[in-house]
Amino acid sequence: MFTLFGLVLTTIGIAIALRGWSAPNEAKRSLQWPSVDGVIRTSGIESSESRTDDGLGTVRKFTPAVTYTFRVGGAERRRTQIAIGMSNLSGELAEAERVVTRYPVGKHVRVYFDPASRMAVLEPGNTKSANTIVGIGLGIAITGGLLVLISHKLG
């Protein structure tokens, strides 16, 4: 049972890491995207709680929630992505507050958009956020691999 679960985790982790591997390159490419003026429409922090079975109890995560609008080709667009990767995911309240402080409601910002897709970001080239995806994938894959090893040692 642990072997199967470990293999599934390893496969999922590798898939996430491989998908995320392109995120830092995409973040770098976003520096070449055209940009337009935009306006911050909403800015706040969302929180969520989850219970864990590992003795940590309740874990609370804080996420910066920023919405902005901009116009391309005469059409208004609304987006929420700050940077490529998992930039809107945060665990610490202080980090989420730092992000939200940069984007108060009504602030005029530069919005970088990919003409070939519907992607837009406020922070082009932010590879720190993009690397988060790779790290999470590798963490899941390593956990799965350890479960397989433990299962073989016990079995």
C-alpha atoms as a PDB file:
ATOM      1  CA  MET A   1       0.000   0.000   0.000  1.00  0.00           C
ATOM      2  CA  PHE A   2       2.800   2.442   0.944  1.00  0.00           C
ATOM      3  CA  THR A   3       4.671   1.485  -2.209  1.00  0.00           C
ATOM      4  CA  LEU A   4       1.740   2.397  -4.454  1.00  0.00           C
ATOM      5  CA  PHE A   5       1.076   5.624  -2.580  1.00  0.00           C
ATOM      6  CA  GLY A   6       4.782   6.491  -2.727  1.00  0.00           C
ATOM      7  CA  LEU A   7       4.915   5.847  -6.470  1.00  0.00           C
ATOM      8  CA  VAL A   8       1.862   8.030  -7.037  1.00  0.00           C
ATOM      9  CA  LEU A   9       3.376  10.849  -4.968  1.00  0.00           C
ATOM     10  CA  THR A  10       6.684  10.536  -6.785  1.00  0.00           C
ATOM     11  CA  THR A  11       4.968  10.692 -10.180  1.00  0.00           C
ATOM     12  CA  ILE A  12       2.866  13.711  -9.204  1.00  0.00           C
ATOM     13  CA  GLY A  13       5.897  15.472  -7.740  1.00  0.00           C
ATOM     14  CA  ILE A  14       7.986  14.900 -10.855  1.00  0.00           C
ATOM     15  CA  ALA A  15       5.135  16.139 -13.070  1.00  0.00           C
ATOM     16  CA  ILE A  16       4.776  19.317 -10.986  1.00  0.00           C
ATOM     17  CA  ALA A  17       8.545  19.907 -10.993  1.00  0.00           C
ATOM     18  CA  LEU A  18       8.785  19.401 -14.760  1.00  0.00           C
ATOM     19  CA  ARG A  19       5.863  21.741 -15.362  1.00  0.00           C
ATOM     20  CA  GLY A  20       7.404  24.246 -12.996  1.00  0.00           C
ATOM     21  CA  TRP A  21      10.816  23.937 -14.607  1.00  0.00           C
ATOM     22  CA  SER A  22       9.626  26.146 -17.454  1.00  0.00           C
ATOM     23  CA  ALA A  23       8.242  28.786 -15.069  1.00  0.00           C
ATOM     24  CA  PRO A  24      11.599  30.515 -14.370  1.00  0.00           C
ATOM     25  CA  ASN A  25      12.247  30.736 -18.131  1.00  0.00           C
ATOM     26  CA  GLU A  26       8.737  32.065 -18.699  1.00  0.00           C
ATOM     27  CA  ALA A  27       9.319  34.605 -15.922  1.00  0.00           C
ATOM     28  CA  LYS A  28      12.485  35.776 -17.688  1.00  0.00           C
ATOM     29  CA  ARG A  29      10.623  35.956 -21.019  1.00  0.00           C
ATOM     30  CA  SER A  30       7.973  38.132 -19.382  1.00  0.00           C
ATOM     31  CA  LEU A  31      10.595  40.897 -19.235  1.00  0.00           C
ATOM     32  CA  GLN A  32      10.202  41.136 -23.037  1.00  0.00           C
ATOM     33  CA  TRP A  33       6.389  41.341 -23.010  1.00  0.00           C
ATOM     34  CA  PRO A  34       4.751  44.614 -23.999  1.00  0.00           C
ATOM     35  CA  SER A  35       3.326  46.675 -21.167  1.00  0.00           C
ATOM     36  CA  VAL A  36       0.396  49.018 -20.713  1.00  0.00           C
ATOM     37  CA  ASP A  37      -0.989  51.186 -17.953  1.00  0.00           C
ATOM     38  CA  GLY A  38      -3.271  49.526 -15.459  1.00  0.00           C
ATOM     39  CA  VAL A  39      -5.076  50.307 -12.217  1.00  0.00           C
ATOM     40  CA  ILE A  40      -5.324  48.305  -8.991  1.00  0.00           C
ATOM     41  CA  ARG A  41      -9.032  47.639  -8.341  1.00  0.00           C
ATOM     42  CA  THR A  42      -8.919  45.492  -5.188  1.00  0.00           C
ATOM     43  CA  SER A  43      -6.161  44.795  -2.724  1.00  0.00           C
ATOM     44  CA  GLY A  44      -6.372  42.739   0.415  1.00  0.00           C
ATOM     45  CA  ILE A  45      -5.322  39.604   2.198  1.00  0.00           C
ATOM     46  CA  GLU A  46      -7.242  36.344   2.223  1.00  0.00           C
ATOM     47  CA  SER A  47      -6.638  33.795   4.928  1.00  0.00           C
ATOM     48  CA  SER A  48      -7.400  30.120   5.113  1.00  0.00           C
ATOM     49  CA  GLU A  49      -7.110  27.549   7.861  1.00  0.00           C
ATOM     50  CA  SER A  50      -6.506  23.839   7.654  1.00  0.00           C
ATOM     51  CA  ARG A  51      -6.072  21.171  10.294  1.00  0.00           C
ATOM     52  CA  THR A  52      -3.116  18.882  10.047  1.00  0.00           C
ATOM     53  CA  ASP A  53      -2.728  15.343  11.292  1.00  0.00           C
ATOM     54  CA  ASP A  54       0.966  15.773  12.063  1.00  0.00           C
ATOM     55  CA  GLY A  55       0.562  17.413  15.446  1.00  0.00           C
ATOM     56  CA  LEU A  56       0.862  20.985  14.221  1.00  0.00           C
ATOM     57  CA  GLY A  57      -2.835  21.612  14.814  1.00  0.00           C
ATOM     58  CA  THR A  58      -4.399  24.353  12.750  1.00  0.00           C
ATOM     59  CA  VAL A  59      -2.281  26.022  10.080  1.00  0.00           C
ATOM     60  CA  ARG A  60      -3.278  29.452   8.803  1.00  0.00           C
ATOM     61  CA  LYS A  61      -2.033  30.744   5.453  1.00  0.00           C
ATOM     62  CA  PHE A  62      -2.299  34.275   4.158  1.00  0.00           C
ATOM     63  CA  THR A  63      -2.577  35.130   0.474  1.00  0.00           C
ATOM     64  CA  PRO A  64      -2.269  38.544  -1.142  1.00  0.00           C
ATOM     65  CA  ALA A  65      -5.392  39.119  -3.245  1.00  0.00           C
ATOM     66  CA  VAL A  66      -4.832  41.880  -5.808  1.00  0.00           C
ATOM     67  CA  THR A  67      -7.052  42.555  -8.819  1.00  0.00           C
ATOM     68  CA  TYR A  68      -6.063  44.955 -11.582  1.00  0.00           C
ATOM     69  CA  THR A  69      -7.518  46.102 -14.883  1.00  0.00           C
ATOM     70  CA  PHE A  70      -5.865  47.222 -18.111  1.00  0.00           C
ATOM     71  CA  ARG A  71      -6.783  47.751 -21.739  1.00  0.00           C
ATOM     72  CA  VAL A  72      -5.386  45.923 -24.756  1.00  0.00           C
ATOM     73  CA  GLY A  73      -6.775  46.486 -28.233  1.00  0.00           C
ATOM     74  CA  GLY A  74      -9.657  48.517 -26.837  1.00  0.00           C
ATOM     75  CA  ALA A  75     -10.851  45.716 -24.551  1.00  0.00           C
ATOM     76  CA  GLU A  76     -10.628  45.955 -20.778  1.00  0.00           C
ATOM     77  CA  ARG A  77      -9.025  42.972 -19.077  1.00  0.00           C
ATOM     78  CA  ARG A  78      -9.061  42.007 -15.403  1.00  0.00           C
ATOM     79  CA  ARG A  79      -6.337  39.850 -13.850  1.00  0.00           C
ATOM     80  CA  THR A  80      -5.058  38.780 -10.439  1.00  0.00           C
ATOM     81  CA  GLN A  81      -1.646  37.255 -11.116  1.00  0.00           C
ATOM     82  CA  ILE A  82       1.189  39.257  -9.614  1.00  0.00           C
ATOM     83  CA  ALA A  83       4.087  37.223 -11.051  1.00  0.00           C
ATOM     84  CA  ILE A  84       4.616  33.951 -12.874  1.00  0.00           C
ATOM     85  CA  GLY A  85       4.595  30.989 -10.558  1.00  0.00           C
ATOM     86  CA  MET A  86       2.925  30.892  -7.211  1.00  0.00           C
ATOM     87  CA  SER A  87       3.382  34.534  -6.341  1.00  0.00           C
ATOM     88  CA  ASN A  88      -0.063  34.876  -4.835  1.00  0.00           C
ATOM     89  CA  LEU A  89       0.575  32.054  -2.374  1.00  0.00           C
ATOM     90  CA  SER A  90       2.062  33.032   0.936  1.00  0.00           C
ATOM     91  CA  GLY A  91       2.140  31.530   4.364  1.00  0.00           C
ATOM     92  CA  GLU A  92       3.208  34.406   6.551  1.00  0.00           C
ATOM     93  CA  LEU A  93       0.993  37.395   7.243  1.00  0.00           C
ATOM     94  CA  ALA A  94       3.974  39.770   7.092  1.00  0.00           C
ATOM     95  CA  GLU A  95       4.905  38.591   3.577  1.00  0.00           C
ATOM     96  CA  ALA A  96       1.318  38.935   2.320  1.00  0.00           C
ATOM     97  CA  GLU A  97       1.178  42.424   3.854  1.00  0.00           C
ATOM     98  CA  ARG A  98       4.427  43.401   2.081  1.00  0.00           C
ATOM     99  CA  VAL A  99       2.938  42.395  -1.265  1.00  0.00           C
ATOM    100  CA  VAL A 100      -0.402  44.128  -0.687  1.00  0.00           C
ATOM    101  CA  THR A 101       1.316  47.315   0.492  1.00  0.00           C
ATOM    102  CA  ARG A 102       2.954  47.626  -2.939  1.00  0.00           C
ATOM    103  CA  TYR A 103      -0.473  47.550  -4.623  1.00  0.00           C
ATOM    104  CA  PRO A 104      -3.018  49.850  -2.919  1.00  0.00           C
ATOM    105  CA  VAL A 105      -6.431  50.347  -4.540  1.00  0.00           C
ATOM    106  CA  GLY A 106      -6.343  53.063  -7.199  1.00  0.00           C
ATOM    107  CA  LYS A 107      -2.601  52.872  -7.802  1.00  0.00           C
ATOM    108  CA  HIS A 108      -1.541  53.155 -11.448  1.00  0.00           C
ATOM    109  CA  VAL A 109       0.767  50.281 -12.402  1.00  0.00           C
ATOM    110  CA  ARG A 110       2.546  48.838 -15.432  1.00  0.00           C
ATOM    111  CA  VAL A 111       0.950  45.596 -16.558  1.00  0.00           C
ATOM    112  CA  TYR A 112       3.046  43.233 -18.667  1.00  0.00           C
ATOM    113  CA  PHE A 113       1.034  40.943 -20.923  1.00  0.00           C
ATOM    114  CA  ASP A 114       1.773  38.100 -23.285  1.00  0.00           C
ATOM    115  CA  PRO A 115       0.144  38.871 -26.649  1.00  0.00           C
ATOM    116  CA  ALA A 116       0.085  35.146 -27.463  1.00  0.00           C
ATOM    117  CA  SER A 117      -1.920  34.194 -24.362  1.00  0.00           C
ATOM    118  CA  ARG A 118      -4.147  35.730 -21.733  1.00  0.00           C
ATOM    119  CA  MET A 119      -1.298  35.906 -19.210  1.00  0.00           C
ATOM    120  CA  ALA A 120      -0.509  39.213 -17.503  1.00  0.00           C
ATOM    121  CA  VAL A 121       1.677  40.081 -14.521  1.00  0.00           C
ATOM    122  CA  LEU A 122       2.694  43.064 -12.450  1.00  0.00           C
ATOM    123  CA  GLU A 123       6.178  41.767 -11.650  1.00  0.00           C
ATOM    124  CA  PRO A 124       7.862  40.490 -14.813  1.00  0.00           C
ATOM    125  CA  GLY A 125      11.022  38.470 -14.358  1.00  0.00           C
ATOM    126  CA  ASN A 126      10.159  37.425 -10.804  1.00  0.00           C
ATOM    127  CA  THR A 127      11.944  34.054 -10.793  1.00  0.00           C
ATOM    128  CA  LYS A 128      11.699  33.639  -7.025  1.00  0.00           C
ATOM    129  CA  SER A 129       7.982  32.994  -7.352  1.00  0.00           C
ATOM    130  CA  ALA A 130       8.499  30.785 -10.382  1.00  0.00           C
ATOM    131  CA  ASN A 131      11.054  28.607  -8.551  1.00  0.00           C
ATOM    132  CA  THR A 132       8.469  27.845  -5.854  1.00  0.00           C
ATOM    133  CA  ILE A 133       6.692  25.437  -8.204  1.00  0.00           C
ATOM    134  CA  VAL A 134       9.878  23.442  -8.805  1.00  0.00           C
ATOM    135  CA  GLY A 135      10.591  23.255  -5.069  1.00  0.00           C
ATOM    136  CA  ILE A 136       7.120  22.008  -4.221  1.00  0.00           C
ATOM    137  CA  GLY A 137       7.273  19.367  -6.959  1.00  0.00           C
ATOM    138  CA  LEU A 138      10.671  18.128  -5.834  1.00  0.00           C
ATOM    139  CA  GLY A 139       9.490  18.009  -2.211  1.00  0.00           C
ATOM    140  CA  ILE A 140       6.505  15.857  -3.147  1.00  0.00           C
ATOM    141  CA  ALA A 141       8.671  13.580  -5.324  1.00  0.00           C
ATOM    142  CA  ILE A 142      11.244  13.098  -2.555  1.00  0.00           C
ATOM    143  CA  THR A 143       8.509  12.313  -0.031  1.00  0.00           C
ATOM    144  CA  GLY A 144       7.076   9.708  -2.406  1.00  0.00           C
ATOM    145  CA  GLY A 145      10.509   8.194  -2.976  1.00  0.00           C
ATOM    146  CA  LEU A 146      11.097   7.940   0.770  1.00  0.00           C
ATOM    147  CA  LEU A 147       7.771   6.169   1.216  1.00  0.00           C
ATOM    148  CA  VAL A 148       8.776   3.626  -1.436  1.00  0.00           C
ATOM    149  CA  LEU A 149      12.109   3.052   0.290  1.00  0.00           C
ATOM    150  CA  ILE A 150      10.506   2.660   3.707  1.00  0.00           C
ATOM    151  CA  SER A 151       7.916   0.285   2.274  1.00  0.00           C
ATOM    152  CA  HIS A 152      10.631  -1.933   0.775  1.00  0.00           C
ATOM    153  CA  LYS A 153      12.608  -1.965   4.032  1.00  0.00           C
ATOM    154  CA  LEU A 154       9.507  -2.929   6.034  1.00  0.00           C
ATOM    155  CA  GLY A 155       8.219  -5.431   3.473  1.00  0.00           C
END
